[in-house]
Amino acid sequence: MSQLANPSPAPSSVPDWVAITREKVESLRFGVVQLLVHDGRVTQIERTEKTRLPSYPDTPVVR
């Protein structure tokens, strides 16, 4: 059988920032993960999560 074009690297060979980013993305339902890069290196990872509320068509609009 053919092998995958980009197999996942072994956990020990993955840089810390990749593992942290993967963890943040996998645990996120709605939101944004941003990487801050300085001089070609990831220096900060930010995660913003949104909470989506269900919309109910019978709910009156509060004014």
C-alpha atoms as a PDB file:
ATOM      1  CA  MET A   1       0.000   0.000   0.000  1.00  0.00           C
ATOM      2  CA  SER A   2       1.077   3.584  -0.493  1.00  0.00           C
ATOM      3  CA  GLN A   3       2.115   5.654   2.484  1.00  0.00           C
ATOM      4  CA  LEU A   4       0.681   9.028   3.419  1.00  0.00           C
ATOM      5  CA  ALA A   5       2.379  12.000   1.792  1.00  0.00           C
ATOM      6  CA  ASN A   6       2.790  13.816   5.128  1.00  0.00           C
ATOM      7  CA  PRO A   7       2.752  11.305   7.971  1.00  0.00           C
ATOM      8  CA  SER A   8       2.516  12.758  11.464  1.00  0.00           C
ATOM      9  CA  PRO A   9       5.973  13.078  12.987  1.00  0.00           C
ATOM     10  CA  ALA A  10       6.808  11.270  16.188  1.00  0.00           C
ATOM     11  CA  PRO A  11       5.758  13.295  19.263  1.00  0.00           C
ATOM     12  CA  SER A  12       9.376  13.743  20.387  1.00  0.00           C
ATOM     13  CA  SER A  13      10.327  15.402  17.070  1.00  0.00           C
ATOM     14  CA  VAL A  14       7.471  17.945  17.117  1.00  0.00           C
ATOM     15  CA  PRO A  15       8.446  21.438  18.359  1.00  0.00           C
ATOM     16  CA  ASP A  16       6.698  22.561  21.551  1.00  0.00           C
ATOM     17  CA  TRP A  17       4.762  25.321  19.788  1.00  0.00           C
ATOM     18  CA  VAL A  18       3.285  22.808  17.318  1.00  0.00           C
ATOM     19  CA  ALA A  19       2.103  20.521  20.109  1.00  0.00           C
ATOM     20  CA  ILE A  20       0.605  23.455  22.047  1.00  0.00           C
ATOM     21  CA  THR A  21      -1.117  24.812  18.934  1.00  0.00           C
ATOM     22  CA  ARG A  22      -2.528  21.393  18.075  1.00  0.00           C
ATOM     23  CA  GLU A  23      -3.900  21.028  21.619  1.00  0.00           C
ATOM     24  CA  LYS A  24      -5.553  24.462  21.486  1.00  0.00           C
ATOM     25  CA  VAL A  25      -7.133  23.812  18.072  1.00  0.00           C
ATOM     26  CA  GLU A  26      -8.391  20.345  18.986  1.00  0.00           C
ATOM     27  CA  SER A  27     -10.122  21.616  22.136  1.00  0.00           C
ATOM     28  CA  LEU A  28     -11.734  24.584  20.347  1.00  0.00           C
ATOM     29  CA  ARG A  29     -15.279  24.446  18.996  1.00  0.00           C
ATOM     30  CA  PHE A  30     -15.716  28.018  17.686  1.00  0.00           C
ATOM     31  CA  GLY A  31     -12.957  30.601  17.778  1.00  0.00           C
ATOM     32  CA  VAL A  32      -9.504  31.642  16.702  1.00  0.00           C
ATOM     33  CA  VAL A  33      -5.955  30.475  17.401  1.00  0.00           C
ATOM     34  CA  GLN A  34      -3.291  33.063  16.555  1.00  0.00           C
ATOM     35  CA  LEU A  35       0.457  32.610  16.417  1.00  0.00           C
ATOM     36  CA  LEU A  36       2.699  35.600  17.129  1.00  0.00           C
ATOM     37  CA  VAL A  37       5.996  35.322  15.279  1.00  0.00           C
ATOM     38  CA  HIS A  38       9.130  37.348  16.028  1.00  0.00           C
ATOM     39  CA  ASP A  39      12.305  36.940  13.968  1.00  0.00           C
ATOM     40  CA  GLY A  40      10.893  33.802  12.335  1.00  0.00           C
ATOM     41  CA  ARG A  41      10.067  32.062  15.622  1.00  0.00           C
ATOM     42  CA  VAL A  42       6.715  31.529  17.307  1.00  0.00           C
ATOM     43  CA  THR A  43       6.836  33.540  20.533  1.00  0.00           C
ATOM     44  CA  GLN A  44       3.199  33.567  21.629  1.00  0.00           C
ATOM     45  CA  ILE A  45       0.011  31.581  21.041  1.00  0.00           C
ATOM     46  CA  GLU A  46      -3.383  33.200  21.636  1.00  0.00           C
ATOM     47  CA  ARG A  47      -6.729  31.410  21.744  1.00  0.00           C
ATOM     48  CA  THR A  48     -10.067  33.189  21.625  1.00  0.00           C
ATOM     49  CA  GLU A  49     -13.132  31.021  22.116  1.00  0.00           C
ATOM     50  CA  LYS A  50     -16.631  32.060  21.172  1.00  0.00           C
ATOM     51  CA  THR A  51     -19.775  30.739  22.802  1.00  0.00           C
ATOM     52  CA  ARG A  52     -22.554  30.376  20.279  1.00  0.00           C
ATOM     53  CA  LEU A  53     -26.085  30.566  21.611  1.00  0.00           C
ATOM     54  CA  PRO A  54     -28.882  28.795  19.768  1.00  0.00           C
ATOM     55  CA  SER A  55     -31.240  31.077  17.890  1.00  0.00           C
ATOM     56  CA  TYR A  56     -34.902  30.725  18.683  1.00  0.00           C
ATOM     57  CA  PRO A  57     -37.316  32.175  16.110  1.00  0.00           C
ATOM     58  CA  ASP A  58     -40.035  32.871  18.753  1.00  0.00           C
ATOM     59  CA  THR A  59     -37.774  34.873  21.053  1.00  0.00           C
ATOM     60  CA  PRO A  60     -38.705  38.580  21.087  1.00  0.00           C
ATOM     61  CA  VAL A  61     -36.010  41.139  20.372  1.00  0.00           C
ATOM     62  CA  VAL A  62     -35.093  43.205  23.453  1.00  0.00           C
ATOM     63  CA  ARG A  63     -34.917  46.926  22.654  1.00  0.00           C
END
